[in-house]
Amino acid sequence: MALKKKLVLAVVNPQSFYLLAEKMREIDIKFEVPPSMPFLCSPNEVVLYDERSTNLVTGNCEKLLVTDTGKKYVMSLFPRLAGKEMFEEIAVGIDLGSISAFIVVGDGSLLMKGKVPTESLGETIKEISSIPHEKMIVRVGSWNETEELWGIVADIVSSTDASVEVVDEHGTTRGSLEEEKDPDIRAAKAILKRMKLG
């Protein structure tokens, strides 16, 4: 992930620390833990703290009081790590299958990638839409326009503010020049760069 700032988890409450760490690992946000407390932070760090550690974090960095330990809160940290309040645009590429692969980019920076069962795809895109943004675009790769495809598109449109485009996925798995070991993630990256059908 090519984000400017490092995330430091300076939360003292064990339960909050555990829940936040789990969510960050789940969506592959890298984080560090202070080597000791009190902790002197630097300008290239975003530090999460709780009420117990309020007076233990000093220095010139962005400090955020943890108000929640849910996935939505963790997703809201992405722009901060890019040095922004919000992204102008987040873009999602999706390679459909029984397990669907996806990739998420915010203003050109890779934020996350992953695979989910297709029946959970709508919920995953809804979670991604909680990343602060002005505009969101979702590109879904398809060989042909099926009822299942339009059901997925309708699900995304009804639960997010995203504009959804269906793009031709022909050749995205094998023909892609993307540097990515997983062929489905590679296809999702290629789909993200394609223009919509018609």
N, C-alpha and C. Protein backbone atom coordinates (compact mmCIF):
# COMPACT_ATOMS: atom_id res chain seq x y z
N MET A 1 0.85 -1.19 0.00
CA MET A 1 0.00 0.00 0.00
C MET A 1 0.89 1.24 0.00
N ALA A 2 0.72 2.10 -1.01
CA ALA A 2 1.59 3.26 -1.16
C ALA A 2 0.97 4.49 -0.49
N LEU A 3 0.81 4.44 0.82
CA LEU A 3 0.26 5.58 1.54
C LEU A 3 1.39 6.31 2.26
N LYS A 4 1.22 7.62 2.44
CA LYS A 4 2.29 8.47 2.95
C LYS A 4 2.62 8.25 4.42
N LYS A 5 1.60 7.99 5.23
CA LYS A 5 1.80 7.99 6.68
C LYS A 5 1.69 6.61 7.30
N LYS A 6 2.39 6.45 8.40
CA LYS A 6 2.34 5.19 9.15
C LYS A 6 1.25 5.28 10.21
N LEU A 7 0.57 4.18 10.45
CA LEU A 7 -0.46 4.13 11.47
C LEU A 7 0.12 3.50 12.73
N VAL A 8 -0.08 4.19 13.85
CA VAL A 8 0.43 3.69 15.14
C VAL A 8 -0.76 3.46 16.06
N LEU A 9 -0.83 2.27 16.60
CA LEU A 9 -1.92 1.89 17.50
C LEU A 9 -1.45 2.04 18.94
N ALA A 10 -1.78 3.20 19.54
CA ALA A 10 -1.37 3.49 20.92
C ALA A 10 -2.57 3.41 21.86
N VAL A 11 -3.39 2.38 21.64
CA VAL A 11 -4.60 2.17 22.44
C VAL A 11 -4.26 1.26 23.60
N VAL A 12 -4.62 1.67 24.82
CA VAL A 12 -4.24 0.93 26.02
C VAL A 12 -5.31 -0.10 26.41
N ASN A 13 -6.57 0.22 26.19
CA ASN A 13 -7.64 -0.72 26.54
C ASN A 13 -7.46 -2.02 25.75
N PRO A 14 -7.28 -3.17 26.42
CA PRO A 14 -6.96 -4.42 25.72
C PRO A 14 -8.02 -4.85 24.72
N GLN A 15 -9.29 -4.69 25.09
CA GLN A 15 -10.36 -5.12 24.18
C GLN A 15 -10.40 -4.26 22.92
N SER A 16 -10.30 -2.95 23.11
CA SER A 16 -10.29 -2.03 21.95
C SER A 16 -9.08 -2.30 21.06
N PHE A 17 -7.92 -2.51 21.70
CA PHE A 17 -6.70 -2.78 20.94
C PHE A 17 -6.89 -4.04 20.08
N TYR A 18 -7.40 -5.10 20.69
CA TYR A 18 -7.58 -6.37 20.00
C TYR A 18 -8.55 -6.22 18.81
N LEU A 19 -9.69 -5.56 19.04
CA LEU A 19 -10.70 -5.41 18.00
C LEU A 19 -10.18 -4.59 16.82
N LEU A 20 -9.48 -3.48 17.13
CA LEU A 20 -8.91 -2.64 16.08
C LEU A 20 -7.84 -3.39 15.29
N ALA A 21 -6.96 -4.09 16.01
CA ALA A 21 -5.88 -4.84 15.36
C ALA A 21 -6.45 -5.90 14.43
N GLU A 22 -7.50 -6.59 14.88
CA GLU A 22 -8.14 -7.63 14.05
C GLU A 22 -8.71 -7.04 12.77
N LYS A 23 -9.41 -5.90 12.89
CA LYS A 23 -10.02 -5.26 11.71
C LYS A 23 -8.93 -4.79 10.74
N MET A 24 -7.83 -4.26 11.29
CA MET A 24 -6.74 -3.79 10.42
C MET A 24 -6.09 -4.94 9.67
N ARG A 25 -5.90 -6.06 10.36
CA ARG A 25 -5.33 -7.23 9.68
C ARG A 25 -6.28 -7.75 8.61
N GLU A 26 -7.56 -7.71 8.91
CA GLU A 26 -8.58 -8.20 7.98
C GLU A 26 -8.55 -7.44 6.66
N ILE A 27 -8.36 -6.12 6.73
CA ILE A 27 -8.35 -5.34 5.48
C ILE A 27 -6.92 -4.91 5.09
N ASP A 28 -5.94 -5.53 5.74
CA ASP A 28 -4.53 -5.36 5.39
C ASP A 28 -4.02 -3.93 5.51
N ILE A 29 -4.43 -3.25 6.59
CA ILE A 29 -3.82 -1.95 6.92
C ILE A 29 -2.65 -2.26 7.84
N LYS A 30 -1.46 -1.86 7.42
CA LYS A 30 -0.27 -2.08 8.25
C LYS A 30 -0.28 -1.09 9.40
N PHE A 31 0.11 -1.56 10.57
CA PHE A 31 0.19 -0.66 11.73
C PHE A 31 1.36 -1.05 12.61
N GLU A 32 1.77 -0.09 13.44
CA GLU A 32 2.84 -0.33 14.40
C GLU A 32 2.30 -0.08 15.80
N VAL A 33 3.03 -0.58 16.77
CA VAL A 33 2.68 -0.37 18.18
C VAL A 33 3.85 0.40 18.79
N PRO A 34 3.59 1.41 19.65
CA PRO A 34 4.71 2.15 20.26
C PRO A 34 5.63 1.20 21.02
N PRO A 35 6.95 1.39 20.91
CA PRO A 35 7.88 0.52 21.64
C PRO A 35 7.73 0.65 23.15
N SER A 36 7.30 1.82 23.58
CA SER A 36 7.05 2.05 25.01
C SER A 36 6.14 3.27 25.15
N MET A 37 5.60 3.43 26.34
CA MET A 37 4.74 4.59 26.63
C MET A 37 5.35 5.33 27.81
N PRO A 38 5.34 6.66 27.90
CA PRO A 38 4.84 7.62 26.91
C PRO A 38 5.56 7.48 25.56
N PHE A 39 4.88 7.96 24.51
CA PHE A 39 5.36 7.78 23.15
C PHE A 39 5.45 9.14 22.46
N LEU A 40 6.61 9.41 21.87
CA LEU A 40 6.84 10.65 21.13
C LEU A 40 6.64 10.35 19.65
N CYS A 41 5.60 10.93 19.05
CA CYS A 41 5.30 10.61 17.65
C CYS A 41 5.91 11.64 16.70
N SER A 42 5.95 11.28 15.40
CA SER A 42 6.55 12.16 14.39
C SER A 42 5.51 12.54 13.34
N PRO A 43 5.79 13.58 12.53
CA PRO A 43 4.81 14.10 11.57
C PRO A 43 4.32 13.08 10.52
N ASN A 44 5.11 12.03 10.27
CA ASN A 44 4.69 11.05 9.25
C ASN A 44 3.84 9.93 9.86
N GLU A 45 3.31 10.16 11.06
CA GLU A 45 2.51 9.13 11.72
C GLU A 45 1.10 9.63 12.05
N VAL A 46 0.14 8.71 11.97
CA VAL A 46 -1.21 8.94 12.47
C VAL A 46 -1.35 8.01 13.67
N VAL A 47 -1.61 8.59 14.83
CA VAL A 47 -1.64 7.79 16.06
C VAL A 47 -3.07 7.67 16.59
N LEU A 48 -3.51 6.44 16.79
CA LEU A 48 -4.80 6.19 17.41
C LEU A 48 -4.57 6.02 18.91
N TYR A 49 -5.35 6.76 19.70
CA TYR A 49 -5.22 6.63 21.15
C TYR A 49 -6.60 6.53 21.78
N ASP A 50 -6.65 6.08 23.03
CA ASP A 50 -7.93 6.04 23.74
C ASP A 50 -7.83 6.91 25.00
N GLU A 51 -8.89 6.97 25.77
CA GLU A 51 -8.90 7.85 26.95
C GLU A 51 -7.78 7.52 27.92
N ARG A 52 -7.44 6.23 28.02
CA ARG A 52 -6.36 5.83 28.95
C ARG A 52 -4.99 6.32 28.49
N SER A 53 -4.82 6.52 27.18
CA SER A 53 -3.50 6.94 26.68
C SER A 53 -3.46 8.41 26.25
N THR A 54 -4.48 9.18 26.63
CA THR A 54 -4.58 10.59 26.22
C THR A 54 -3.30 11.37 26.50
N ASN A 55 -2.75 11.22 27.68
CA ASN A 55 -1.57 12.01 28.05
C ASN A 55 -0.26 11.28 27.79
N LEU A 56 -0.34 10.13 27.13
CA LEU A 56 0.87 9.32 26.90
C LEU A 56 1.42 9.47 25.49
N VAL A 57 0.70 10.21 24.64
CA VAL A 57 1.17 10.43 23.26
C VAL A 57 1.49 11.91 23.10
N THR A 58 2.75 12.21 22.81
CA THR A 58 3.17 13.60 22.59
C THR A 58 3.91 13.67 21.26
N GLY A 59 4.15 14.87 20.82
CA GLY A 59 4.88 15.02 19.55
C GLY A 59 4.01 15.64 18.48
N ASN A 60 4.62 15.84 17.32
CA ASN A 60 3.97 16.53 16.22
C ASN A 60 3.44 15.53 15.19
N CYS A 61 2.29 14.95 15.49
CA CYS A 61 1.67 14.01 14.55
C CYS A 61 0.16 14.22 14.61
N GLU A 62 -0.56 13.55 13.72
CA GLU A 62 -2.02 13.59 13.79
C GLU A 62 -2.47 12.54 14.80
N LYS A 63 -3.18 13.01 15.83
CA LYS A 63 -3.66 12.10 16.87
C LYS A 63 -5.18 11.97 16.75
N LEU A 64 -5.67 10.73 16.74
CA LEU A 64 -7.11 10.49 16.62
C LEU A 64 -7.59 9.68 17.81
N LEU A 65 -8.55 10.25 18.53
CA LEU A 65 -9.16 9.53 19.65
C LEU A 65 -10.08 8.46 19.08
N VAL A 66 -9.89 7.22 19.50
CA VAL A 66 -10.70 6.11 19.01
C VAL A 66 -12.12 6.23 19.57
N THR A 67 -13.08 6.31 18.66
CA THR A 67 -14.48 6.44 19.07
C THR A 67 -15.28 5.17 18.78
N ASP A 68 -14.65 4.26 18.03
CA ASP A 68 -15.35 3.05 17.60
C ASP A 68 -14.30 2.01 17.25
N THR A 69 -14.66 0.74 17.28
CA THR A 69 -13.70 -0.30 16.91
C THR A 69 -14.21 -1.11 15.71
N GLY A 70 -15.26 -0.61 15.05
CA GLY A 70 -15.85 -1.33 13.92
C GLY A 70 -15.09 -1.11 12.63
N LYS A 71 -15.45 -1.91 11.63
CA LYS A 71 -14.78 -1.85 10.33
C LYS A 71 -14.96 -0.49 9.66
N LYS A 72 -16.14 0.12 9.84
CA LYS A 72 -16.42 1.42 9.24
C LYS A 72 -15.41 2.47 9.73
N TYR A 73 -15.13 2.44 11.04
CA TYR A 73 -14.16 3.37 11.62
C TYR A 73 -12.77 3.14 11.03
N VAL A 74 -12.38 1.87 10.94
CA VAL A 74 -11.05 1.54 10.41
C VAL A 74 -10.95 1.98 8.94
N MET A 75 -12.02 1.76 8.16
CA MET A 75 -12.03 2.20 6.75
C MET A 75 -11.86 3.72 6.64
N SER A 76 -12.39 4.45 7.63
CA SER A 76 -12.32 5.91 7.58
C SER A 76 -10.88 6.43 7.74
N LEU A 77 -9.96 5.55 8.13
CA LEU A 77 -8.57 5.96 8.33
C LEU A 77 -7.77 6.06 7.03
N PHE A 78 -8.23 5.42 5.96
CA PHE A 78 -7.47 5.39 4.71
C PHE A 78 -7.05 6.79 4.22
N PRO A 79 -7.98 7.78 4.10
CA PRO A 79 -7.54 9.09 3.63
C PRO A 79 -6.50 9.73 4.55
N ARG A 80 -6.66 9.55 5.86
CA ARG A 80 -5.70 10.12 6.82
C ARG A 80 -4.29 9.61 6.53
N LEU A 81 -4.20 8.32 6.18
CA LEU A 81 -2.89 7.73 5.90
C LEU A 81 -2.32 8.23 4.57
N ALA A 82 -3.20 8.79 3.74
CA ALA A 82 -2.76 9.38 2.48
C ALA A 82 -2.52 10.89 2.65
N GLY A 83 -2.71 11.40 3.90
CA GLY A 83 -2.51 12.82 4.17
C GLY A 83 -3.66 13.69 3.70
N LYS A 84 -4.89 13.12 3.66
CA LYS A 84 -6.06 13.86 3.16
C LYS A 84 -7.22 13.72 4.14
N GLU A 85 -8.20 14.61 3.97
CA GLU A 85 -9.46 14.49 4.72
C GLU A 85 -10.33 13.42 4.09
N MET A 86 -10.33 13.42 2.73
CA MET A 86 -11.10 12.42 1.99
C MET A 86 -10.49 12.26 0.60
N PHE A 87 -10.83 11.18 -0.08
CA PHE A 87 -10.36 10.97 -1.45
C PHE A 87 -11.31 11.67 -2.41
N GLU A 88 -10.75 12.20 -3.49
CA GLU A 88 -11.61 12.74 -4.55
C GLU A 88 -12.39 11.60 -5.18
N GLU A 89 -11.68 10.48 -5.43
CA GLU A 89 -12.36 9.34 -6.04
C GLU A 89 -11.82 8.03 -5.49
N ILE A 90 -12.73 7.14 -5.13
CA ILE A 90 -12.31 5.76 -4.89
C ILE A 90 -12.90 4.91 -6.01
N ALA A 91 -12.07 3.99 -6.51
CA ALA A 91 -12.47 3.15 -7.64
C ALA A 91 -12.28 1.69 -7.25
N VAL A 92 -13.26 0.88 -7.64
CA VAL A 92 -13.24 -0.55 -7.30
C VAL A 92 -13.35 -1.35 -8.59
N GLY A 93 -12.47 -2.34 -8.75
CA GLY A 93 -12.56 -3.28 -9.87
C GLY A 93 -12.97 -4.64 -9.32
N ILE A 94 -13.93 -5.30 -9.99
CA ILE A 94 -14.43 -6.58 -9.49
C ILE A 94 -14.39 -7.63 -10.59
N ASP A 95 -13.77 -8.77 -10.28
CA ASP A 95 -13.78 -9.94 -11.15
C ASP A 95 -14.75 -10.95 -10.55
N LEU A 96 -15.90 -11.12 -11.19
CA LEU A 96 -16.94 -12.00 -10.64
C LEU A 96 -16.59 -13.47 -10.80
N GLY A 97 -17.09 -14.27 -9.88
CA GLY A 97 -16.95 -15.73 -9.90
C GLY A 97 -17.73 -16.23 -8.70
N SER A 98 -17.65 -17.52 -8.39
CA SER A 98 -18.33 -17.98 -7.17
C SER A 98 -17.67 -17.29 -5.96
N ILE A 99 -16.36 -17.07 -6.08
CA ILE A 99 -15.63 -16.17 -5.17
C ILE A 99 -15.21 -14.98 -6.03
N SER A 100 -15.60 -13.78 -5.64
CA SER A 100 -15.28 -12.59 -6.43
C SER A 100 -14.03 -11.90 -5.89
N ALA A 101 -13.17 -11.48 -6.79
CA ALA A 101 -11.96 -10.75 -6.42
C ALA A 101 -12.21 -9.26 -6.62
N PHE A 102 -11.61 -8.44 -5.74
CA PHE A 102 -11.80 -6.99 -5.89
C PHE A 102 -10.50 -6.26 -5.56
N ILE A 103 -10.42 -5.05 -6.09
CA ILE A 103 -9.29 -4.16 -5.79
C ILE A 103 -9.86 -2.77 -5.58
N VAL A 104 -9.28 -2.03 -4.62
CA VAL A 104 -9.77 -0.68 -4.30
C VAL A 104 -8.62 0.31 -4.40
N VAL A 105 -8.85 1.40 -5.13
CA VAL A 105 -7.83 2.43 -5.33
C VAL A 105 -8.44 3.77 -4.91
N GLY A 106 -7.68 4.56 -4.15
CA GLY A 106 -8.11 5.90 -3.76
C GLY A 106 -7.18 6.94 -4.34
N ASP A 107 -7.67 7.78 -5.25
CA ASP A 107 -6.85 8.81 -5.92
C ASP A 107 -5.53 8.23 -6.44
N GLY A 108 -5.61 7.03 -7.01
CA GLY A 108 -4.43 6.42 -7.63
C GLY A 108 -3.61 5.53 -6.71
N SER A 109 -3.86 5.54 -5.40
CA SER A 109 -3.11 4.69 -4.47
C SER A 109 -3.89 3.41 -4.17
N LEU A 110 -3.20 2.29 -4.22
CA LEU A 110 -3.82 1.02 -3.87
C LEU A 110 -4.16 1.02 -2.38
N LEU A 111 -5.42 0.78 -2.07
CA LEU A 111 -5.86 0.76 -0.67
C LEU A 111 -6.02 -0.66 -0.17
N MET A 112 -6.71 -1.49 -0.93
CA MET A 112 -6.92 -2.86 -0.49
C MET A 112 -7.30 -3.76 -1.66
N LYS A 113 -7.13 -5.05 -1.43
CA LYS A 113 -7.54 -6.05 -2.41
C LYS A 113 -7.97 -7.29 -1.63
N GLY A 114 -8.80 -8.10 -2.25
CA GLY A 114 -9.25 -9.28 -1.52
C GLY A 114 -10.21 -10.11 -2.34
N LYS A 115 -10.72 -11.18 -1.69
CA LYS A 115 -11.68 -12.08 -2.33
C LYS A 115 -12.78 -12.38 -1.33
N VAL A 116 -14.02 -12.38 -1.81
CA VAL A 116 -15.17 -12.68 -0.95
C VAL A 116 -16.15 -13.56 -1.72
N PRO A 117 -16.95 -14.38 -1.00
CA PRO A 117 -18.02 -15.10 -1.70
C PRO A 117 -18.93 -14.07 -2.38
N THR A 118 -19.37 -14.37 -3.60
CA THR A 118 -20.14 -13.40 -4.37
C THR A 118 -21.40 -12.94 -3.65
N GLU A 119 -22.00 -13.84 -2.85
CA GLU A 119 -23.22 -13.42 -2.12
C GLU A 119 -22.91 -12.35 -1.06
N SER A 120 -21.62 -12.21 -0.66
CA SER A 120 -21.23 -11.17 0.31
C SER A 120 -20.70 -9.91 -0.35
N LEU A 121 -20.67 -9.90 -1.68
CA LEU A 121 -20.04 -8.80 -2.41
C LEU A 121 -20.71 -7.46 -2.13
N GLY A 122 -22.05 -7.43 -2.13
CA GLY A 122 -22.78 -6.18 -1.89
C GLY A 122 -22.41 -5.57 -0.54
N GLU A 123 -22.32 -6.42 0.49
CA GLU A 123 -21.97 -5.94 1.84
C GLU A 123 -20.54 -5.42 1.88
N THR A 124 -19.64 -6.12 1.16
CA THR A 124 -18.23 -5.68 1.10
C THR A 124 -18.11 -4.32 0.44
N ILE A 125 -18.81 -4.12 -0.67
CA ILE A 125 -18.76 -2.83 -1.38
C ILE A 125 -19.37 -1.73 -0.51
N LYS A 126 -20.41 -2.07 0.24
CA LYS A 126 -21.02 -1.10 1.17
C LYS A 126 -19.99 -0.67 2.22
N GLU A 127 -19.22 -1.63 2.75
CA GLU A 127 -18.16 -1.30 3.73
C GLU A 127 -17.10 -0.41 3.09
N ILE A 128 -16.71 -0.74 1.86
CA ILE A 128 -15.70 0.05 1.15
C ILE A 128 -16.21 1.48 0.94
N SER A 129 -17.52 1.62 0.71
CA SER A 129 -18.08 2.96 0.47
C SER A 129 -18.00 3.86 1.70
N SER A 130 -17.66 3.28 2.86
CA SER A 130 -17.51 4.11 4.06
C SER A 130 -16.14 4.80 4.12
N ILE A 131 -15.25 4.49 3.17
CA ILE A 131 -14.00 5.25 3.05
C ILE A 131 -14.40 6.66 2.59
N PRO A 132 -14.04 7.71 3.34
CA PRO A 132 -14.47 9.06 2.94
C PRO A 132 -14.05 9.43 1.51
N HIS A 133 -15.02 9.86 0.71
CA HIS A 133 -14.76 10.16 -0.70
C HIS A 133 -15.80 11.14 -1.23
N GLU A 134 -15.44 11.77 -2.35
CA GLU A 134 -16.39 12.64 -3.05
C GLU A 134 -17.14 11.85 -4.11
N LYS A 135 -16.42 10.95 -4.78
CA LYS A 135 -17.01 10.20 -5.88
C LYS A 135 -16.53 8.75 -5.81
N MET A 136 -17.42 7.80 -6.13
CA MET A 136 -17.04 6.39 -6.12
C MET A 136 -17.50 5.74 -7.42
N ILE A 137 -16.59 4.96 -8.00
CA ILE A 137 -16.92 4.23 -9.23
C ILE A 137 -16.60 2.76 -9.02
N VAL A 138 -17.50 1.89 -9.47
CA VAL A 138 -17.30 0.45 -9.38
C VAL A 138 -17.37 -0.11 -10.79
N ARG A 139 -16.32 -0.83 -11.20
CA ARG A 139 -16.31 -1.48 -12.51
C ARG A 139 -16.40 -3.00 -12.30
N VAL A 140 -17.42 -3.58 -12.88
CA VAL A 140 -17.66 -5.02 -12.75
C VAL A 140 -17.38 -5.67 -14.10
N GLY A 141 -16.50 -6.70 -14.10
CA GLY A 141 -16.18 -7.41 -15.34
C GLY A 141 -17.20 -8.48 -15.63
N SER A 142 -17.57 -8.61 -16.91
CA SER A 142 -18.57 -9.62 -17.28
C SER A 142 -18.35 -10.09 -18.71
N TRP A 143 -18.59 -11.38 -18.93
CA TRP A 143 -18.57 -11.92 -20.30
C TRP A 143 -19.88 -11.58 -21.00
N ASN A 144 -20.97 -11.74 -20.25
CA ASN A 144 -22.29 -11.47 -20.83
C ASN A 144 -23.21 -10.95 -19.73
N GLU A 145 -24.24 -10.30 -20.14
CA GLU A 145 -25.14 -9.65 -19.19
C GLU A 145 -26.22 -10.63 -18.72
N THR A 146 -26.05 -11.14 -17.51
CA THR A 146 -26.98 -12.13 -16.97
C THR A 146 -27.84 -11.50 -15.88
N GLU A 147 -28.87 -12.24 -15.49
CA GLU A 147 -29.74 -11.78 -14.41
C GLU A 147 -28.95 -11.63 -13.12
N GLU A 148 -28.02 -12.59 -12.89
CA GLU A 148 -27.20 -12.54 -11.67
C GLU A 148 -26.35 -11.26 -11.65
N LEU A 149 -25.76 -10.93 -12.80
CA LEU A 149 -24.94 -9.71 -12.90
C LEU A 149 -25.77 -8.49 -12.54
N TRP A 150 -26.97 -8.37 -13.11
CA TRP A 150 -27.79 -7.18 -12.86
C TRP A 150 -28.29 -7.15 -11.41
N GLY A 151 -28.45 -8.34 -10.81
CA GLY A 151 -28.80 -8.40 -9.38
C GLY A 151 -27.68 -7.83 -8.52
N ILE A 152 -26.43 -8.16 -8.88
CA ILE A 152 -25.25 -7.64 -8.14
C ILE A 152 -25.15 -6.13 -8.33
N VAL A 153 -25.32 -5.67 -9.57
CA VAL A 153 -25.25 -4.23 -9.87
C VAL A 153 -26.32 -3.48 -9.07
N ALA A 154 -27.55 -4.01 -9.06
CA ALA A 154 -28.65 -3.36 -8.34
C ALA A 154 -28.36 -3.30 -6.84
N ASP A 155 -27.75 -4.37 -6.31
CA ASP A 155 -27.40 -4.43 -4.89
C ASP A 155 -26.39 -3.33 -4.54
N ILE A 156 -25.38 -3.16 -5.40
CA ILE A 156 -24.34 -2.14 -5.15
C ILE A 156 -24.95 -0.74 -5.25
N VAL A 157 -25.76 -0.51 -6.28
CA VAL A 157 -26.37 0.82 -6.49
C VAL A 157 -27.30 1.19 -5.34
N SER A 158 -28.06 0.21 -4.84
CA SER A 158 -29.04 0.51 -3.78
C SER A 158 -28.39 0.75 -2.42
N SER A 159 -27.17 0.23 -2.21
CA SER A 159 -26.57 0.34 -0.87
C SER A 159 -25.40 1.32 -0.81
N THR A 160 -25.03 1.95 -1.95
CA THR A 160 -23.90 2.90 -1.96
C THR A 160 -24.25 4.10 -2.85
N ASP A 161 -23.33 5.07 -2.86
CA ASP A 161 -23.51 6.23 -3.76
C ASP A 161 -22.67 6.05 -5.03
N ALA A 162 -22.25 4.81 -5.31
CA ALA A 162 -21.33 4.54 -6.42
C ALA A 162 -22.04 4.55 -7.76
N SER A 163 -21.29 4.98 -8.80
CA SER A 163 -21.76 4.73 -10.15
C SER A 163 -21.13 3.41 -10.57
N VAL A 164 -21.92 2.54 -11.18
CA VAL A 164 -21.46 1.19 -11.52
C VAL A 164 -21.38 1.06 -13.03
N GLU A 165 -20.24 0.54 -13.51
CA GLU A 165 -20.05 0.29 -14.93
C GLU A 165 -19.77 -1.19 -15.14
N VAL A 166 -20.39 -1.77 -16.17
CA VAL A 166 -20.10 -3.15 -16.55
C VAL A 166 -19.11 -3.09 -17.70
N VAL A 167 -17.97 -3.78 -17.55
CA VAL A 167 -16.93 -3.75 -18.58
C VAL A 167 -16.66 -5.16 -19.09
N ASP A 168 -16.15 -5.26 -20.30
CA ASP A 168 -15.84 -6.55 -20.91
C ASP A 168 -14.61 -7.13 -20.22
N GLU A 169 -14.75 -8.33 -19.65
CA GLU A 169 -13.61 -8.91 -18.93
C GLU A 169 -12.80 -9.86 -19.79
N HIS A 170 -13.08 -9.92 -21.08
CA HIS A 170 -12.37 -10.83 -21.98
C HIS A 170 -10.86 -10.57 -21.92
N GLY A 171 -10.09 -11.60 -21.63
CA GLY A 171 -8.62 -11.49 -21.62
C GLY A 171 -8.02 -10.86 -20.39
N THR A 172 -8.83 -10.58 -19.37
CA THR A 172 -8.28 -9.88 -18.20
C THR A 172 -7.45 -10.79 -17.31
N THR A 173 -7.72 -12.10 -17.32
CA THR A 173 -6.96 -12.99 -16.44
C THR A 173 -5.62 -13.37 -17.06
N ARG A 174 -5.67 -13.86 -18.31
CA ARG A 174 -4.42 -14.31 -18.92
C ARG A 174 -3.67 -13.19 -19.62
N GLY A 175 -4.41 -12.30 -20.26
CA GLY A 175 -3.77 -11.26 -21.07
C GLY A 175 -3.27 -10.07 -20.28
N SER A 176 -3.52 -10.05 -18.98
CA SER A 176 -3.17 -8.87 -18.19
C SER A 176 -1.66 -8.77 -17.97
N LEU A 177 -1.16 -7.54 -18.02
CA LEU A 177 0.26 -7.29 -17.75
C LEU A 177 0.51 -6.92 -16.29
N GLU A 178 -0.55 -6.99 -15.48
CA GLU A 178 -0.42 -6.61 -14.07
C GLU A 178 0.54 -7.54 -13.33
N GLU A 179 1.34 -6.96 -12.43
CA GLU A 179 2.23 -7.76 -11.59
C GLU A 179 1.47 -8.18 -10.35
N GLU A 180 0.87 -9.33 -10.41
CA GLU A 180 0.07 -9.83 -9.31
C GLU A 180 0.02 -11.35 -9.42
N LYS A 181 0.38 -12.05 -8.33
CA LYS A 181 0.42 -13.52 -8.40
C LYS A 181 -0.96 -14.13 -8.58
N ASP A 182 -1.95 -13.62 -7.84
CA ASP A 182 -3.29 -14.20 -7.90
C ASP A 182 -3.97 -13.80 -9.21
N PRO A 183 -4.35 -14.77 -10.07
CA PRO A 183 -4.94 -14.41 -11.37
C PRO A 183 -6.26 -13.66 -11.25
N ASP A 184 -7.05 -13.92 -10.20
CA ASP A 184 -8.34 -13.23 -10.05
C ASP A 184 -8.14 -11.77 -9.64
N ILE A 185 -7.18 -11.52 -8.75
CA ILE A 185 -6.87 -10.13 -8.36
C ILE A 185 -6.27 -9.40 -9.57
N ARG A 186 -5.45 -10.12 -10.33
CA ARG A 186 -4.86 -9.54 -11.55
C ARG A 186 -5.98 -9.12 -12.51
N ALA A 187 -6.99 -9.98 -12.64
CA ALA A 187 -8.13 -9.66 -13.51
C ALA A 187 -8.89 -8.44 -12.98
N ALA A 188 -9.08 -8.37 -11.65
CA ALA A 188 -9.78 -7.22 -11.05
C ALA A 188 -9.03 -5.92 -11.33
N LYS A 189 -7.69 -5.98 -11.28
CA LYS A 189 -6.88 -4.78 -11.59
C LYS A 189 -7.08 -4.36 -13.04
N ALA A 190 -7.08 -5.35 -13.94
CA ALA A 190 -7.26 -5.05 -15.37
C ALA A 190 -8.67 -4.50 -15.64
N ILE A 191 -9.67 -5.08 -14.97
CA ILE A 191 -11.06 -4.61 -15.12
C ILE A 191 -11.19 -3.16 -14.68
N LEU A 192 -10.50 -2.80 -13.61
CA LEU A 192 -10.57 -1.43 -13.09
C LEU A 192 -10.11 -0.42 -14.15
N LYS A 193 -9.18 -0.83 -15.01
CA LYS A 193 -8.63 0.09 -16.01
C LYS A 193 -9.42 0.11 -17.31
N ARG A 194 -10.42 -0.77 -17.43
CA ARG A 194 -11.20 -0.84 -18.68
C ARG A 194 -12.35 0.18 -18.69
N MET A 195 -12.76 0.52 -19.88
CA MET A 195 -13.91 1.42 -20.03
C MET A 195 -15.17 0.56 -20.19
N LYS A 196 -16.32 1.15 -19.89
CA LYS A 196 -17.56 0.37 -19.88
C LYS A 196 -17.99 -0.04 -21.28
N LEU A 197 -18.79 -1.12 -21.31
CA LEU A 197 -19.31 -1.64 -22.58
C LEU A 197 -20.22 -0.62 -23.25
N GLY A 198 -20.17 -0.62 -24.56
CA GLY A 198 -21.10 0.25 -25.32
C GLY A 198 -20.73 1.68 -25.15
